[in-house]
Amino acid sequence: MIQTKSIHIILGAGGAIGNVLANDLISRNEKVKLVSRSGMMLPGAESVRVDLTDAKSVKGVLEESSTVYLLAGLPYRLSIWKGQWPKIMRNVVDGCIAQKARLIFFDNAYMYGKVVGSMTEESPVNPCSRKGEVRAQIADKLMSEVKKGNITALIARAADFYGPYSEKSSVPYILVFSRLAKGKKAQWLANAGVKHSYTYTGDCGKALCLLANTDDAFNQIWHLPTAAPALTGKEFVEMAALKLGVKPRYMALRKWMAALGGIFDRQISEIYEMLYQNEFEYIFDSSKFEKRFNFKPTPYERGIEETIQHSRQRGLL
């Protein structure tokens, strides 16, 4: 009997991490299915249009013994997160259980809340924001099913990210790269004098591939490779300006500015509760992954240079 190749199913294809992961998998000649609301397509991959809030559609798009990646991104509004994230997680978990598929959930660090020192996989879940509470809820839903033995899954967490394909969702891209390239002052949230870890999107794609192909990596939490030491906002802007060939002009968007702006702008009001991540040091420790896979995260200098090159090649900068 000829054994068929298992398929990698990316739920939420089209975002920064989904694009990087899909390209990595395709380059490895893996069988890939891209699942999104938009019907996003890439050469060498199957494309399917699905709403992840619809349980029947989710169950129908999954395949037996597949590896499933939940990379969905929702509009940055608490009401949408509270209404849709628990439903999406329930649908995906139920679908994976029914198809005996393995699940990799790409997560952020919101559920840790304000951490003094470094965030590790052992940091307590202690959200200090409403969005963090939602993230804690869905992560707990997944890991409780893992503990019951109902599903084989893992959580892969990243810090805030930057890098190729991040132009729509990365704060450094929107406030630093894009503004400097247009001759404007860069902007930094809250405090440009404290260190803040950023995970490079290119490293996320490679790391997810490694995790997917390592059986004993499942049923636990991993921090994806993130360069250390972290840069301050000032250092990040200066490095980006040097690579762009412009002056490192910037301004800090103080918390009171966000509070005032939030009265008139819903998006700013949604960001306000997360500013604790920028007021204080935000240090993301990925040493567990680095030691296990002998992986060196992309240094910030090279990551920033590659982000600019990639964006210029796509006509974005």
C-alpha atoms as a PDB file:
ATOM      1  CA  MET A   1       0.000   0.000   0.000  1.00  0.00           C
ATOM      2  CA  ILE A   2       1.283   3.466  -0.926  1.00  0.00           C
ATOM      3  CA  GLN A   3       1.229   5.799   2.097  1.00  0.00           C
ATOM      4  CA  THR A   4      -0.248   9.206   1.277  1.00  0.00           C
ATOM      5  CA  LYS A   5       1.527  12.330   2.459  1.00  0.00           C
ATOM      6  CA  SER A   6      -0.135  14.035   5.421  1.00  0.00           C
ATOM      7  CA  ILE A   7      -1.386  17.565   4.857  1.00  0.00           C
ATOM      8  CA  HIS A   8      -0.652  20.807   6.681  1.00  0.00           C
ATOM      9  CA  ILE A   9      -3.804  22.900   7.111  1.00  0.00           C
ATOM     10  CA  ILE A  10      -3.329  26.589   7.905  1.00  0.00           C
ATOM     11  CA  LEU A  11      -6.416  28.149   9.476  1.00  0.00           C
ATOM     12  CA  GLY A  12      -6.224  31.907   9.115  1.00  0.00           C
ATOM     13  CA  ALA A  13      -3.911  31.915   6.080  1.00  0.00           C
ATOM     14  CA  GLY A  14      -2.977  35.285   4.642  1.00  0.00           C
ATOM     15  CA  GLY A  15      -1.657  37.001   7.742  1.00  0.00           C
ATOM     16  CA  ALA A  16       1.978  37.661   8.593  1.00  0.00           C
ATOM     17  CA  ILE A  17       2.692  34.276  10.192  1.00  0.00           C
ATOM     18  CA  GLY A  18       0.428  32.351   7.814  1.00  0.00           C
ATOM     19  CA  ASN A  19       2.286  33.687   4.765  1.00  0.00           C
ATOM     20  CA  VAL A  20       5.722  32.908   6.172  1.00  0.00           C
ATOM     21  CA  LEU A  21       4.684  29.415   7.319  1.00  0.00           C
ATOM     22  CA  ALA A  22       2.962  28.580   4.038  1.00  0.00           C
ATOM     23  CA  ASN A  23       6.013  29.592   2.006  1.00  0.00           C
ATOM     24  CA  ASP A  24       8.290  27.545   4.285  1.00  0.00           C
ATOM     25  CA  LEU A  25       6.098  24.449   4.005  1.00  0.00           C
ATOM     26  CA  ILE A  26       5.724  24.766   0.234  1.00  0.00           C
ATOM     27  CA  SER A  27       9.499  25.143  -0.150  1.00  0.00           C
ATOM     28  CA  ARG A  28       9.847  21.825   1.718  1.00  0.00           C
ATOM     29  CA  ASN A  29       7.460  20.189  -0.792  1.00  0.00           C
ATOM     30  CA  GLU A  30       4.848  19.643   1.899  1.00  0.00           C
ATOM     31  CA  LYS A  31       1.168  19.287   1.055  1.00  0.00           C
ATOM     32  CA  VAL A  32      -0.536  22.519   2.172  1.00  0.00           C
ATOM     33  CA  LYS A  33      -4.129  23.703   2.436  1.00  0.00           C
ATOM     34  CA  LEU A  34      -4.750  27.410   2.991  1.00  0.00           C
ATOM     35  CA  VAL A  35      -7.979  28.199   4.833  1.00  0.00           C
ATOM     36  CA  SER A  36      -9.225  31.774   5.097  1.00  0.00           C
ATOM     37  CA  ARG A  37     -12.276  33.974   4.711  1.00  0.00           C
ATOM     38  CA  SER A  38     -10.670  35.732   1.752  1.00  0.00           C
ATOM     39  CA  GLY A  39      -9.719  32.635  -0.246  1.00  0.00           C
ATOM     40  CA  MET A  40      -6.035  33.617  -0.157  1.00  0.00           C
ATOM     41  CA  MET A  41      -4.005  31.645  -2.710  1.00  0.00           C
ATOM     42  CA  LEU A  42      -0.348  30.672  -3.180  1.00  0.00           C
ATOM     43  CA  PRO A  43       1.226  28.576  -5.963  1.00  0.00           C
ATOM     44  CA  GLY A  44       1.716  25.010  -4.772  1.00  0.00           C
ATOM     45  CA  ALA A  45      -1.078  25.043  -2.174  1.00  0.00           C
ATOM     46  CA  GLU A  46      -4.793  24.269  -2.093  1.00  0.00           C
ATOM     47  CA  SER A  47      -7.013  27.193  -1.126  1.00  0.00           C
ATOM     48  CA  VAL A  48     -10.380  27.044   0.650  1.00  0.00           C
ATOM     49  CA  ARG A  49     -12.708  29.816   1.799  1.00  0.00           C
ATOM     50  CA  VAL A  50     -14.111  29.092   5.305  1.00  0.00           C
ATOM     51  CA  ASP A  51     -15.594  31.011   8.240  1.00  0.00           C
ATOM     52  CA  LEU A  52     -13.962  29.620  11.397  1.00  0.00           C
ATOM     53  CA  THR A  53     -16.952  30.620  13.514  1.00  0.00           C
ATOM     54  CA  ASP A  54     -19.053  28.035  11.643  1.00  0.00           C
ATOM     55  CA  ALA A  55     -18.536  24.615  13.276  1.00  0.00           C
ATOM     56  CA  LYS A  56     -19.778  22.570  10.324  1.00  0.00           C
ATOM     57  CA  SER A  57     -17.481  24.385   7.877  1.00  0.00           C
ATOM     58  CA  VAL A  58     -14.464  23.942  10.139  1.00  0.00           C
ATOM     59  CA  LYS A  59     -15.105  20.234  10.589  1.00  0.00           C
ATOM     60  CA  GLY A  60     -15.545  19.843   6.840  1.00  0.00           C
ATOM     61  CA  VAL A  61     -12.244  21.473   5.913  1.00  0.00           C
ATOM     62  CA  LEU A  62     -10.084  19.411   8.293  1.00  0.00           C
ATOM     63  CA  GLU A  63      -8.650  16.054   7.247  1.00  0.00           C
ATOM     64  CA  GLU A  64      -7.785  12.869   9.062  1.00  0.00           C
ATOM     65  CA  SER A  65      -4.320  12.772  10.654  1.00  0.00           C
ATOM     66  CA  SER A  66      -3.486  16.247   9.379  1.00  0.00           C
ATOM     67  CA  THR A  67      -1.396  18.900  11.141  1.00  0.00           C
ATOM     68  CA  VAL A  68      -3.548  21.959  11.769  1.00  0.00           C
ATOM     69  CA  TYR A  69      -2.234  25.444  12.534  1.00  0.00           C
ATOM     70  CA  LEU A  70      -4.607  27.958  14.126  1.00  0.00           C
ATOM     71  CA  LEU A  71      -3.147  31.308  13.067  1.00  0.00           C
ATOM     72  CA  ALA A  72      -6.338  33.331  12.777  1.00  0.00           C
ATOM     73  CA  GLY A  73      -6.295  37.044  13.468  1.00  0.00           C
ATOM     74  CA  LEU A  74      -9.451  38.938  14.414  1.00  0.00           C
ATOM     75  CA  PRO A  75     -10.176  42.672  14.232  1.00  0.00           C
ATOM     76  CA  TYR A  76      -8.624  44.339  17.266  1.00  0.00           C
ATOM     77  CA  ARG A  77     -11.871  44.904  19.150  1.00  0.00           C
ATOM     78  CA  LEU A  78     -12.729  43.388  22.521  1.00  0.00           C
ATOM     79  CA  SER A  79     -16.357  42.760  21.594  1.00  0.00           C
ATOM     80  CA  ILE A  80     -15.290  40.688  18.571  1.00  0.00           C
ATOM     81  CA  TRP A  81     -12.640  38.806  20.552  1.00  0.00           C
ATOM     82  CA  LYS A  82     -15.115  37.910  23.323  1.00  0.00           C
ATOM     83  CA  GLY A  83     -17.747  36.820  20.836  1.00  0.00           C
ATOM     84  CA  GLN A  84     -15.633  34.929  18.321  1.00  0.00           C
ATOM     85  CA  TRP A  85     -12.423  33.579  19.899  1.00  0.00           C
ATOM     86  CA  PRO A  86     -14.072  31.040  22.253  1.00  0.00           C
ATOM     87  CA  LYS A  87     -16.290  29.868  19.394  1.00  0.00           C
ATOM     88  CA  ILE A  88     -13.346  29.497  17.002  1.00  0.00           C
ATOM     89  CA  MET A  89     -11.277  27.564  19.540  1.00  0.00           C
ATOM     90  CA  ARG A  90     -14.185  25.255  20.333  1.00  0.00           C
ATOM     91  CA  ASN A  91     -14.853  24.612  16.637  1.00  0.00           C
ATOM     92  CA  VAL A  92     -11.202  23.909  15.834  1.00  0.00           C
ATOM     93  CA  VAL A  93     -10.644  21.667  18.866  1.00  0.00           C
ATOM     94  CA  ASP A  94     -13.820  19.690  18.159  1.00  0.00           C
ATOM     95  CA  GLY A  95     -12.871  19.344  14.497  1.00  0.00           C
ATOM     96  CA  CYS A  96      -9.348  18.166  15.302  1.00  0.00           C
ATOM     97  CA  ILE A  97     -10.660  15.617  17.801  1.00  0.00           C
ATOM     98  CA  ALA A  98     -13.122  14.276  15.225  1.00  0.00           C
ATOM     99  CA  GLN A  99     -10.411  13.963  12.548  1.00  0.00           C
ATOM    100  CA  LYS A 100      -7.621  12.837  14.898  1.00  0.00           C
ATOM    101  CA  ALA A 101      -5.616  15.832  13.698  1.00  0.00           C
ATOM    102  CA  ARG A 102      -2.779  17.477  15.613  1.00  0.00           C
ATOM    103  CA  LEU A 103      -3.199  21.159  16.456  1.00  0.00           C
ATOM    104  CA  ILE A 104      -0.652  23.964  16.770  1.00  0.00           C
ATOM    105  CA  PHE A 105      -2.092  27.178  18.207  1.00  0.00           C
ATOM    106  CA  PHE A 106      -0.115  30.373  17.554  1.00  0.00           C
ATOM    107  CA  ASP A 107      -0.606  32.553  20.627  1.00  0.00           C
ATOM    108  CA  ASN A 108       0.616  35.851  22.058  1.00  0.00           C
ATOM    109  CA  ALA A 109       1.745  36.867  25.550  1.00  0.00           C
ATOM    110  CA  TYR A 110      -1.340  38.777  26.695  1.00  0.00           C
ATOM    111  CA  MET A 111      -2.378  36.145  29.274  1.00  0.00           C
ATOM    112  CA  TYR A 112       0.786  36.704  31.337  1.00  0.00           C
ATOM    113  CA  GLY A 113      -0.171  40.286  32.151  1.00  0.00           C
ATOM    114  CA  LYS A 114       2.500  42.581  33.571  1.00  0.00           C
ATOM    115  CA  VAL A 115       5.580  40.472  34.326  1.00  0.00           C
ATOM    116  CA  VAL A 116       8.551  41.667  36.356  1.00  0.00           C
ATOM    117  CA  GLY A 117      11.580  40.060  34.734  1.00  0.00           C
ATOM    118  CA  SER A 118      11.444  37.634  31.813  1.00  0.00           C
ATOM    119  CA  MET A 119       8.369  35.862  30.496  1.00  0.00           C
ATOM    120  CA  THR A 120       8.909  32.102  30.237  1.00  0.00           C
ATOM    121  CA  GLU A 121       6.646  29.153  29.549  1.00  0.00           C
ATOM    122  CA  GLU A 122       6.364  28.768  33.331  1.00  0.00           C
ATOM    123  CA  SER A 123       5.181  32.333  33.968  1.00  0.00           C
ATOM    124  CA  PRO A 124       1.823  32.337  35.765  1.00  0.00           C
ATOM    125  CA  VAL A 125      -1.307  33.209  33.817  1.00  0.00           C
ATOM    126  CA  ASN A 126      -2.237  36.577  35.317  1.00  0.00           C
ATOM    127  CA  PRO A 127      -3.913  38.806  32.707  1.00  0.00           C
ATOM    128  CA  CYS A 128      -4.318  42.484  33.553  1.00  0.00           C
ATOM    129  CA  SER A 129      -6.381  43.335  30.469  1.00  0.00           C
ATOM    130  CA  ARG A 130      -9.710  42.192  29.092  1.00  0.00           C
ATOM    131  CA  LYS A 131      -8.069  40.962  25.888  1.00  0.00           C
ATOM    132  CA  GLY A 132      -5.609  39.038  28.034  1.00  0.00           C
ATOM    133  CA  GLU A 133      -8.536  37.385  29.803  1.00  0.00           C
ATOM    134  CA  VAL A 134      -9.896  36.202  26.448  1.00  0.00           C
ATOM    135  CA  ARG A 135      -6.523  34.779  25.449  1.00  0.00           C
ATOM    136  CA  ALA A 136      -6.192  33.018  28.804  1.00  0.00           C
ATOM    137  CA  GLN A 137      -9.664  31.517  28.373  1.00  0.00           C
ATOM    138  CA  ILE A 138      -9.016  29.993  24.955  1.00  0.00           C
ATOM    139  CA  ALA A 139      -5.544  28.724  25.871  1.00  0.00           C
ATOM    140  CA  ASP A 140      -7.013  27.048  28.939  1.00  0.00           C
ATOM    141  CA  LYS A 141      -9.739  25.463  26.802  1.00  0.00           C
ATOM    142  CA  LEU A 142      -7.112  23.897  24.529  1.00  0.00           C
ATOM    143  CA  MET A 143      -4.735  22.691  27.251  1.00  0.00           C
ATOM    144  CA  SER A 144      -7.582  21.245  29.317  1.00  0.00           C
ATOM    145  CA  GLU A 145      -8.464  19.015  26.337  1.00  0.00           C
ATOM    146  CA  VAL A 146      -4.783  18.068  26.072  1.00  0.00           C
ATOM    147  CA  LYS A 147      -4.681  17.101  29.759  1.00  0.00           C
ATOM    148  CA  LYS A 148      -7.790  14.951  29.293  1.00  0.00           C
ATOM    149  CA  GLY A 149      -6.020  13.116  26.455  1.00  0.00           C
ATOM    150  CA  ASN A 150      -8.643  14.179  23.923  1.00  0.00           C
ATOM    151  CA  ILE A 151      -6.282  15.972  21.535  1.00  0.00           C
ATOM    152  CA  THR A 152      -2.613  16.189  20.612  1.00  0.00           C
ATOM    153  CA  ALA A 153      -1.737  19.878  20.520  1.00  0.00           C
ATOM    154  CA  LEU A 154       0.752  22.535  21.475  1.00  0.00           C
ATOM    155  CA  ILE A 155       0.767  26.278  22.018  1.00  0.00           C
ATOM    156  CA  ALA A 156       3.464  28.307  20.266  1.00  0.00           C
ATOM    157  CA  ARG A 157       3.732  31.806  21.735  1.00  0.00           C
ATOM    158  CA  ALA A 158       5.469  34.821  20.269  1.00  0.00           C
ATOM    159  CA  ALA A 159       6.194  38.285  21.556  1.00  0.00           C
ATOM    160  CA  ASP A 160       4.913  41.227  19.531  1.00  0.00           C
ATOM    161  CA  PHE A 161       6.339  40.616  16.073  1.00  0.00           C
ATOM    162  CA  TYR A 162       7.963  42.357  13.130  1.00  0.00           C
ATOM    163  CA  GLY A 163       9.289  41.125   9.803  1.00  0.00           C
ATOM    164  CA  PRO A 164       8.142  40.113   6.301  1.00  0.00           C
ATOM    165  CA  TYR A 165       4.372  40.223   5.660  1.00  0.00           C
ATOM    166  CA  SER A 166       3.703  42.125   8.901  1.00  0.00           C
ATOM    167  CA  GLU A 167       2.722  45.435   7.326  1.00  0.00           C
ATOM    168  CA  LYS A 168      -0.922  45.216   8.455  1.00  0.00           C
ATOM    169  CA  SER A 169      -0.472  43.933  11.988  1.00  0.00           C
ATOM    170  CA  SER A 170       2.960  44.919  13.312  1.00  0.00           C
ATOM    171  CA  VAL A 171       3.200  48.065  15.418  1.00  0.00           C
ATOM    172  CA  PRO A 172       6.907  48.589  14.530  1.00  0.00           C
ATOM    173  CA  TYR A 173       6.064  48.312  10.838  1.00  0.00           C
ATOM    174  CA  ILE A 174       3.169  50.777  11.018  1.00  0.00           C
ATOM    175  CA  LEU A 175       4.748  53.284  13.404  1.00  0.00           C
ATOM    176  CA  VAL A 176       8.446  52.972  12.535  1.00  0.00           C
ATOM    177  CA  PHE A 177       9.263  51.483   9.111  1.00  0.00           C
ATOM    178  CA  SER A 178       6.345  52.982   7.217  1.00  0.00           C
ATOM    179  CA  ARG A 179       6.571  56.447   8.756  1.00  0.00           C
ATOM    180  CA  LEU A 180      10.356  56.776   8.423  1.00  0.00           C
ATOM    181  CA  ALA A 181      10.206  55.633   4.793  1.00  0.00           C
ATOM    182  CA  LYS A 182       7.663  58.411   4.104  1.00  0.00           C
ATOM    183  CA  GLY A 183       9.912  61.058   5.644  1.00  0.00           C
ATOM    184  CA  LYS A 184       7.813  61.308   8.813  1.00  0.00           C
ATOM    185  CA  LYS A 185       8.822  60.971  12.427  1.00  0.00           C
ATOM    186  CA  ALA A 186       8.642  57.440  13.742  1.00  0.00           C
ATOM    187  CA  GLN A 187       6.355  56.864  16.695  1.00  0.00           C
ATOM    188  CA  TRP A 188       6.776  54.599  19.709  1.00  0.00           C
ATOM    189  CA  LEU A 189       4.139  53.608  22.206  1.00  0.00           C
ATOM    190  CA  ALA A 190       4.384  54.954  25.771  1.00  0.00           C
ATOM    191  CA  ASN A 191       8.093  54.737  26.606  1.00  0.00           C
ATOM    192  CA  ALA A 192      10.979  54.518  24.123  1.00  0.00           C
ATOM    193  CA  GLY A 193      13.504  54.068  26.926  1.00  0.00           C
ATOM    194  CA  VAL A 194      12.535  50.567  28.078  1.00  0.00           C
ATOM    195  CA  LYS A 195      13.510  47.279  26.446  1.00  0.00           C
ATOM    196  CA  HIS A 196      10.854  45.442  24.431  1.00  0.00           C
ATOM    197  CA  SER A 197      11.261  42.014  22.823  1.00  0.00           C
ATOM    198  CA  TYR A 198      10.062  41.471  19.256  1.00  0.00           C
ATOM    199  CA  THR A 199       9.821  38.114  17.484  1.00  0.00           C
ATOM    200  CA  TYR A 200      10.884  37.989  13.826  1.00  0.00           C
ATOM    201  CA  THR A 201       8.192  36.534  11.540  1.00  0.00           C
ATOM    202  CA  GLY A 202      10.764  34.547   9.562  1.00  0.00           C
ATOM    203  CA  ASP A 203      11.803  32.737  12.731  1.00  0.00           C
ATOM    204  CA  CYS A 204       8.162  31.960  13.520  1.00  0.00           C
ATOM    205  CA  GLY A 205       7.701  30.086  10.242  1.00  0.00           C
ATOM    206  CA  LYS A 206      10.846  28.005  10.699  1.00  0.00           C
ATOM    207  CA  ALA A 207      10.053  27.288  14.343  1.00  0.00           C
ATOM    208  CA  LEU A 208       6.491  26.156  13.615  1.00  0.00           C
ATOM    209  CA  CYS A 209       7.829  23.734  10.997  1.00  0.00           C
ATOM    210  CA  LEU A 210      10.291  22.310  13.521  1.00  0.00           C
ATOM    211  CA  LEU A 211       7.593  21.883  16.155  1.00  0.00           C
ATOM    212  CA  ALA A 212       5.200  20.249  13.702  1.00  0.00           C
ATOM    213  CA  ASN A 213       7.791  17.624  12.810  1.00  0.00           C
ATOM    214  CA  THR A 214       8.795  16.810  16.404  1.00  0.00           C
ATOM    215  CA  ASP A 215       6.429  14.382  18.093  1.00  0.00           C
ATOM    216  CA  ASP A 216       7.645  15.005  21.631  1.00  0.00           C
ATOM    217  CA  ALA A 217       7.165  18.769  21.228  1.00  0.00           C
ATOM    218  CA  PHE A 218       3.400  18.360  21.491  1.00  0.00           C
ATOM    219  CA  ASN A 219       1.199  18.680  24.566  1.00  0.00           C
ATOM    220  CA  GLN A 220       3.164  21.598  25.977  1.00  0.00           C
ATOM    221  CA  ILE A 221       3.805  25.322  25.540  1.00  0.00           C
ATOM    222  CA  TRP A 222       6.720  26.812  23.600  1.00  0.00           C
ATOM    223  CA  HIS A 223       8.030  30.361  23.284  1.00  0.00           C
ATOM    224  CA  LEU A 224       9.113  30.909  19.694  1.00  0.00           C
ATOM    225  CA  PRO A 225      12.724  32.049  19.112  1.00  0.00           C
ATOM    226  CA  THR A 226      13.155  35.724  19.955  1.00  0.00           C
ATOM    227  CA  ALA A 227      16.424  37.660  19.855  1.00  0.00           C
ATOM    228  CA  ALA A 228      18.132  38.794  23.033  1.00  0.00           C
ATOM    229  CA  PRO A 229      18.985  41.203  24.416  1.00  0.00           C
ATOM    230  CA  ALA A 230      15.855  43.180  23.588  1.00  0.00           C
ATOM    231  CA  LEU A 231      16.184  46.698  22.210  1.00  0.00           C
ATOM    232  CA  THR A 232      14.736  49.882  23.629  1.00  0.00           C
ATOM    233  CA  GLY A 233      12.345  51.777  21.381  1.00  0.00           C
ATOM    234  CA  LYS A 234      15.047  54.372  20.769  1.00  0.00           C
ATOM    235  CA  GLU A 235      17.520  51.676  19.709  1.00  0.00           C
ATOM    236  CA  PHE A 236      14.964  50.024  17.420  1.00  0.00           C
ATOM    237  CA  VAL A 237      14.164  53.333  15.687  1.00  0.00           C
ATOM    238  CA  GLU A 238      17.846  54.195  15.298  1.00  0.00           C
ATOM    239  CA  MET A 239      18.592  50.805  13.747  1.00  0.00           C
ATOM    240  CA  ALA A 240      15.629  51.044  11.361  1.00  0.00           C
ATOM    241  CA  ALA A 241      16.573  54.597  10.339  1.00  0.00           C
ATOM    242  CA  LEU A 242      20.160  53.546   9.645  1.00  0.00           C
ATOM    243  CA  LYS A 243      18.992  50.710   7.367  1.00  0.00           C
ATOM    244  CA  LEU A 244      16.526  53.033   5.605  1.00  0.00           C
ATOM    245  CA  GLY A 245      19.148  55.766   5.177  1.00  0.00           C
ATOM    246  CA  VAL A 246      17.160  58.427   7.035  1.00  0.00           C
ATOM    247  CA  LYS A 247      17.519  60.408  10.247  1.00  0.00           C
ATOM    248  CA  PRO A 248      16.263  58.637  13.388  1.00  0.00           C
ATOM    249  CA  ARG A 249      13.532  61.124  14.227  1.00  0.00           C
ATOM    250  CA  TYR A 250      10.786  59.853  16.522  1.00  0.00           C
ATOM    251  CA  MET A 251       8.281  60.810  19.188  1.00  0.00           C
ATOM    252  CA  ALA A 252       6.824  58.782  22.058  1.00  0.00           C
ATOM    253  CA  LEU A 253       3.036  58.481  22.135  1.00  0.00           C
ATOM    254  CA  ARG A 254       2.461  58.955  25.849  1.00  0.00           C
ATOM    255  CA  LYS A 255      -0.320  57.147  27.659  1.00  0.00           C
ATOM    256  CA  TRP A 256      -2.313  60.336  28.208  1.00  0.00           C
ATOM    257  CA  MET A 257      -2.245  60.940  24.450  1.00  0.00           C
ATOM    258  CA  ALA A 258      -3.761  57.508  23.861  1.00  0.00           C
ATOM    259  CA  ALA A 259      -6.380  58.159  26.549  1.00  0.00           C
ATOM    260  CA  LEU A 260      -7.353  61.452  24.937  1.00  0.00           C
ATOM    261  CA  GLY A 261      -7.270  59.974  21.440  1.00  0.00           C
ATOM    262  CA  GLY A 262      -9.411  57.057  22.555  1.00  0.00           C
ATOM    263  CA  ILE A 263     -12.328  59.392  23.123  1.00  0.00           C
ATOM    264  CA  PHE A 264     -12.469  59.987  19.386  1.00  0.00           C
ATOM    265  CA  ASP A 265     -10.869  56.861  17.892  1.00  0.00           C
ATOM    266  CA  ARG A 266     -12.082  53.322  18.673  1.00  0.00           C
ATOM    267  CA  GLN A 267      -8.797  51.732  17.533  1.00  0.00           C
ATOM    268  CA  ILE A 268      -6.764  53.860  19.930  1.00  0.00           C
ATOM    269  CA  SER A 269      -9.153  53.058  22.776  1.00  0.00           C
ATOM    270  CA  GLU A 270      -8.670  49.350  22.040  1.00  0.00           C
ATOM    271  CA  ILE A 271      -4.878  49.719  22.273  1.00  0.00           C
ATOM    272  CA  TYR A 272      -5.001  51.726  25.508  1.00  0.00           C
ATOM    273  CA  GLU A 273      -5.449  48.783  27.909  1.00  0.00           C
ATOM    274  CA  MET A 274      -2.390  47.059  26.425  1.00  0.00           C
ATOM    275  CA  LEU A 275       0.018  49.960  26.928  1.00  0.00           C
ATOM    276  CA  TYR A 276       1.412  48.404  30.105  1.00  0.00           C
ATOM    277  CA  GLN A 277       3.483  46.276  27.703  1.00  0.00           C
ATOM    278  CA  ASN A 278       5.226  49.452  26.526  1.00  0.00           C
ATOM    279  CA  GLU A 279       5.387  51.401  29.765  1.00  0.00           C
ATOM    280  CA  PHE A 280       7.597  48.774  31.403  1.00  0.00           C
ATOM    281  CA  GLU A 281      10.210  46.274  30.257  1.00  0.00           C
ATOM    282  CA  TYR A 282       8.747  43.484  28.125  1.00  0.00           C
ATOM    283  CA  ILE A 283      11.269  40.645  27.995  1.00  0.00           C
ATOM    284  CA  PHE A 284      10.361  37.414  26.231  1.00  0.00           C
ATOM    285  CA  ASP A 285      12.536  34.373  26.989  1.00  0.00           C
ATOM    286  CA  SER A 286      12.755  31.660  24.305  1.00  0.00           C
ATOM    287  CA  SER A 287      15.690  29.720  25.726  1.00  0.00           C
ATOM    288  CA  LYS A 288      13.644  26.505  26.055  1.00  0.00           C
ATOM    289  CA  PHE A 289      13.104  26.393  22.275  1.00  0.00           C
ATOM    290  CA  GLU A 290      16.629  27.551  21.435  1.00  0.00           C
ATOM    291  CA  LYS A 291      18.232  24.805  23.539  1.00  0.00           C
ATOM    292  CA  ARG A 292      15.873  22.051  22.373  1.00  0.00           C
ATOM    293  CA  PHE A 293      16.319  22.789  18.671  1.00  0.00           C
ATOM    294  CA  ASN A 294      19.780  24.415  18.728  1.00  0.00           C
ATOM    295  CA  PHE A 295      18.187  27.463  17.107  1.00  0.00           C
ATOM    296  CA  LYS A 296      19.665  30.969  17.049  1.00  0.00           C
ATOM    297  CA  PRO A 297      17.029  33.713  16.642  1.00  0.00           C
ATOM    298  CA  THR A 298      17.606  36.276  13.902  1.00  0.00           C
ATOM    299  CA  PRO A 299      19.490  39.273  15.395  1.00  0.00           C
ATOM    300  CA  TYR A 300      17.540  42.542  15.305  1.00  0.00           C
ATOM    301  CA  GLU A 301      20.003  44.208  12.948  1.00  0.00           C
ATOM    302  CA  ARG A 302      19.582  41.480  10.318  1.00  0.00           C
ATOM    303  CA  GLY A 303      15.831  41.154  10.914  1.00  0.00           C
ATOM    304  CA  ILE A 304      15.287  44.874  10.433  1.00  0.00           C
ATOM    305  CA  GLU A 305      17.388  44.857   7.258  1.00  0.00           C
ATOM    306  CA  GLU A 306      15.501  41.857   5.841  1.00  0.00           C
ATOM    307  CA  THR A 307      12.147  43.440   6.714  1.00  0.00           C
ATOM    308  CA  ILE A 308      13.068  46.557   4.754  1.00  0.00           C
ATOM    309  CA  GLN A 309      14.404  44.559   1.785  1.00  0.00           C
ATOM    310  CA  HIS A 310      11.293  42.375   1.654  1.00  0.00           C
ATOM    311  CA  SER A 311       8.978  45.385   1.878  1.00  0.00           C
ATOM    312  CA  ARG A 312      10.847  47.225  -0.878  1.00  0.00           C
ATOM    313  CA  GLN A 313      10.685  44.163  -3.127  1.00  0.00           C
ATOM    314  CA  ARG A 314       6.911  44.147  -2.684  1.00  0.00           C
ATOM    315  CA  GLY A 315       6.685  47.903  -3.364  1.00  0.00           C
ATOM    316  CA  LEU A 316       5.564  48.744   0.150  1.00  0.00           C
ATOM    317  CA  LEU A 317       8.402  51.052   1.194  1.00  0.00           C
END
